[in-house]
N, C-alpha and C. Protein backbone atom coordinates (compact mmCIF):
# COMPACT_ATOMS: atom_id res chain seq x y z
N MET A 1 -5.97 -63.53 126.23
CA MET A 1 -7.17 -63.03 126.57
C MET A 1 -8.17 -63.89 126.00
N GLY A 2 -9.27 -64.14 127.03
CA GLY A 2 -10.21 -65.26 126.65
C GLY A 2 -11.41 -64.35 125.96
N LEU A 3 -12.22 -65.21 125.56
CA LEU A 3 -13.37 -64.90 124.38
C LEU A 3 -14.71 -65.45 125.25
N VAL A 4 -15.61 -64.60 125.26
CA VAL A 4 -16.79 -65.11 125.83
C VAL A 4 -18.10 -64.78 125.14
N ARG A 5 -19.09 -65.48 125.05
CA ARG A 5 -20.26 -65.07 124.46
C ARG A 5 -21.32 -65.04 125.83
N LEU A 6 -22.32 -64.05 125.44
CA LEU A 6 -23.31 -63.92 126.63
C LEU A 6 -24.60 -64.50 125.91
N ARG A 7 -25.43 -65.41 126.79
CA ARG A 7 -26.51 -66.11 126.23
C ARG A 7 -27.88 -65.39 126.66
N ILE A 8 -27.79 -63.95 126.30
CA ILE A 8 -28.91 -63.10 126.65
C ILE A 8 -30.23 -63.36 125.87
N LYS A 9 -29.94 -63.51 124.53
CA LYS A 9 -31.13 -63.82 123.69
C LYS A 9 -31.65 -65.31 124.06
N GLU A 10 -30.99 -66.28 124.45
CA GLU A 10 -31.82 -67.53 124.70
C GLU A 10 -32.52 -67.27 125.85
N PHE A 11 -31.88 -66.66 126.83
CA PHE A 11 -32.78 -66.63 128.25
C PHE A 11 -33.80 -65.68 128.18
N ALA A 12 -33.86 -64.59 127.22
CA ALA A 12 -34.77 -63.79 126.92
C ALA A 12 -36.14 -64.61 126.16
N GLU A 13 -35.57 -64.94 125.23
CA GLU A 13 -36.66 -65.96 124.53
C GLU A 13 -37.13 -66.87 125.48
N GLU A 14 -36.37 -67.55 126.32
CA GLU A 14 -37.10 -68.50 127.11
C GLU A 14 -38.26 -67.70 128.26
N LYS A 15 -37.84 -66.71 128.69
CA LYS A 15 -38.78 -65.70 129.50
C LYS A 15 -40.09 -65.13 128.68
N ARG A 16 -39.84 -65.00 127.21
CA ARG A 16 -40.50 -64.41 126.36
C ARG A 16 -40.61 -62.98 126.78
N TRP A 17 -39.41 -62.23 126.94
CA TRP A 17 -39.33 -60.72 126.91
C TRP A 17 -38.41 -60.40 126.03
N THR A 18 -38.73 -59.01 125.56
CA THR A 18 -37.97 -58.40 124.41
C THR A 18 -36.84 -57.98 125.17
N LEU A 19 -35.79 -57.49 124.39
CA LEU A 19 -34.63 -56.77 124.94
C LEU A 19 -35.04 -55.49 125.65
N LYS A 20 -36.13 -54.86 125.16
CA LYS A 20 -36.15 -53.74 125.99
C LYS A 20 -36.97 -53.88 127.31
N GLU A 21 -37.53 -54.71 127.36
CA GLU A 21 -38.15 -55.41 128.38
C GLU A 21 -36.97 -55.86 129.33
N LEU A 22 -36.01 -56.41 128.90
CA LEU A 22 -35.01 -56.69 129.71
C LEU A 22 -34.03 -55.72 130.21
N ALA A 23 -33.94 -54.84 129.60
CA ALA A 23 -33.43 -53.47 129.86
C ALA A 23 -33.72 -52.92 131.17
N SER A 24 -35.27 -52.69 131.00
CA SER A 24 -36.04 -52.06 131.93
C SER A 24 -35.94 -52.97 133.20
N ARG A 25 -35.80 -54.30 133.41
CA ARG A 25 -36.07 -55.30 134.49
C ARG A 25 -34.58 -55.07 134.89
N SER A 26 -33.48 -55.00 134.22
CA SER A 26 -31.97 -55.51 134.60
C SER A 26 -31.60 -53.88 134.97
N ASP A 27 -32.03 -52.71 134.61
CA ASP A 27 -31.51 -51.38 134.73
C ASP A 27 -30.18 -51.36 134.12
N VAL A 28 -30.11 -52.05 132.80
CA VAL A 28 -28.81 -51.87 131.95
C VAL A 28 -29.44 -51.16 130.60
N PRO A 29 -28.78 -50.18 130.21
CA PRO A 29 -29.24 -49.52 128.92
C PRO A 29 -29.33 -50.59 127.86
N TYR A 30 -30.71 -50.35 127.03
CA TYR A 30 -31.01 -51.03 125.87
C TYR A 30 -29.77 -51.20 124.98
N SER A 31 -29.26 -50.21 124.54
CA SER A 31 -27.98 -50.12 123.68
C SER A 31 -26.88 -51.06 124.13
N THR A 32 -26.66 -51.03 125.34
CA THR A 32 -25.59 -52.13 125.86
C THR A 32 -26.05 -53.86 125.58
N ILE A 33 -27.38 -53.98 126.09
CA ILE A 33 -27.99 -55.08 125.81
C ILE A 33 -27.72 -55.47 124.27
N LYS A 34 -28.31 -54.60 123.63
CA LYS A 34 -28.47 -54.94 122.13
C LYS A 34 -26.92 -55.16 121.50
N SER A 35 -25.89 -54.39 121.97
CA SER A 35 -24.58 -54.89 121.58
C SER A 35 -24.05 -56.03 122.03
N TYR A 36 -24.39 -56.60 123.04
CA TYR A 36 -24.03 -57.75 123.59
C TYR A 36 -24.65 -59.06 122.89
N VAL A 37 -25.88 -58.70 122.55
CA VAL A 37 -26.62 -59.65 121.54
C VAL A 37 -25.98 -59.98 120.23
N ARG A 38 -25.92 -58.85 119.83
CA ARG A 38 -25.20 -58.71 118.27
C ARG A 38 -23.88 -59.40 118.08
N ARG A 39 -22.91 -59.43 119.30
CA ARG A 39 -21.58 -60.10 118.97
C ARG A 39 -21.55 -61.32 119.31
N ASP A 40 -21.15 -62.28 118.78
CA ASP A 40 -20.93 -63.44 119.12
C ASP A 40 -19.85 -64.13 119.74
N ARG A 41 -18.92 -62.88 120.11
CA ARG A 41 -17.72 -63.16 120.88
C ARG A 41 -17.29 -61.85 121.28
N MET A 42 -16.76 -61.89 122.35
CA MET A 42 -16.13 -60.70 123.21
C MET A 42 -15.16 -60.95 123.96
N ALA A 43 -13.91 -59.91 124.14
CA ALA A 43 -13.08 -59.92 125.01
C ALA A 43 -13.21 -59.27 126.25
N MET A 44 -14.09 -58.25 126.09
CA MET A 44 -14.51 -57.50 127.05
C MET A 44 -15.75 -57.32 127.48
N ILE A 45 -16.25 -57.26 128.73
CA ILE A 45 -17.44 -57.04 128.98
C ILE A 45 -17.62 -55.96 130.20
N ASP A 46 -18.81 -55.58 130.47
CA ASP A 46 -18.84 -54.76 131.74
C ASP A 46 -19.66 -55.82 132.84
N TYR A 47 -18.78 -56.21 133.59
CA TYR A 47 -19.03 -57.06 134.85
C TYR A 47 -20.22 -56.69 135.49
N THR A 48 -20.43 -55.60 135.73
CA THR A 48 -21.67 -55.25 136.66
C THR A 48 -22.89 -55.11 135.80
N ALA A 49 -22.76 -54.85 134.35
CA ALA A 49 -24.18 -54.84 133.45
C ALA A 49 -24.51 -56.63 133.29
N VAL A 50 -23.64 -57.49 133.39
CA VAL A 50 -23.74 -58.74 133.00
C VAL A 50 -24.52 -59.28 134.44
N LEU A 51 -23.85 -58.88 135.46
CA LEU A 51 -24.27 -59.26 136.89
C LEU A 51 -25.73 -58.89 136.90
N LYS A 52 -26.15 -57.65 136.41
CA LYS A 52 -27.46 -57.00 136.58
C LYS A 52 -28.48 -58.14 135.79
N ILE A 53 -27.97 -58.29 134.44
CA ILE A 53 -28.62 -59.23 133.63
C ILE A 53 -29.01 -60.35 134.20
N ALA A 54 -28.18 -61.04 134.50
CA ALA A 54 -28.13 -62.67 135.20
C ALA A 54 -29.30 -62.45 136.31
N ARG A 55 -29.06 -61.26 137.19
CA ARG A 55 -30.01 -61.08 138.17
C ARG A 55 -31.57 -60.96 137.70
N ALA A 56 -31.62 -60.29 136.78
CA ALA A 56 -32.73 -60.27 136.14
C ALA A 56 -33.36 -61.27 135.90
N PHE A 57 -32.61 -62.26 135.21
CA PHE A 57 -33.09 -63.61 134.66
C PHE A 57 -33.18 -64.56 135.76
N GLU A 58 -32.73 -64.20 136.84
CA GLU A 58 -32.59 -65.17 138.30
C GLU A 58 -32.09 -66.11 138.07
N ILE A 59 -30.61 -66.03 137.33
CA ILE A 59 -29.76 -67.06 137.08
C ILE A 59 -28.15 -66.93 137.47
N PRO A 60 -27.43 -67.75 138.07
CA PRO A 60 -26.19 -67.38 138.40
C PRO A 60 -25.35 -66.81 136.92
N ILE A 61 -24.53 -66.07 137.12
CA ILE A 61 -23.99 -65.30 136.06
C ILE A 61 -23.35 -66.19 135.45
N GLU A 62 -22.62 -67.55 135.94
CA GLU A 62 -21.99 -68.54 135.01
C GLU A 62 -22.76 -69.03 133.90
N ASP A 63 -24.36 -69.31 134.41
CA ASP A 63 -25.06 -69.83 132.97
C ASP A 63 -25.29 -68.75 132.05
N LEU A 64 -24.95 -67.42 132.21
CA LEU A 64 -25.29 -66.47 131.17
C LEU A 64 -24.06 -66.38 130.49
N VAL A 65 -22.92 -66.54 130.79
CA VAL A 65 -21.60 -66.37 130.21
C VAL A 65 -21.10 -67.89 129.68
N GLU A 66 -20.81 -67.61 128.36
CA GLU A 66 -20.36 -69.09 127.76
C GLU A 66 -18.80 -68.48 127.38
N VAL A 67 -17.95 -69.24 127.99
CA VAL A 67 -16.50 -69.18 127.62
C VAL A 67 -16.02 -70.03 126.24
N LEU A 68 -15.83 -69.14 125.23
CA LEU A 68 -15.53 -69.62 123.85
C LEU A 68 -13.97 -70.20 123.94
N GLU A 69 -13.12 -69.19 124.68
CA GLU A 69 -11.62 -69.60 124.35
C GLU A 69 -11.12 -68.98 125.81
N GLU A 70 -10.00 -69.67 126.37
CA GLU A 70 -9.42 -69.09 127.46
C GLU A 70 -8.16 -68.74 127.03
């Protein structure tokens, strides 16, 4: 199973958004976003939530997800 990291914090800082603002813009619960930001590597993610976050940032999902191990 591969491991990924989500670049949420980097994109939020670039846009000068708080994580709560991102939650509002993406319609993803703040607790989910906070959880993703705190973990430096994950084996499982909610694809729908990640897609919503990428859309809020107006970026392709591939830019948001960093593959650490395949």
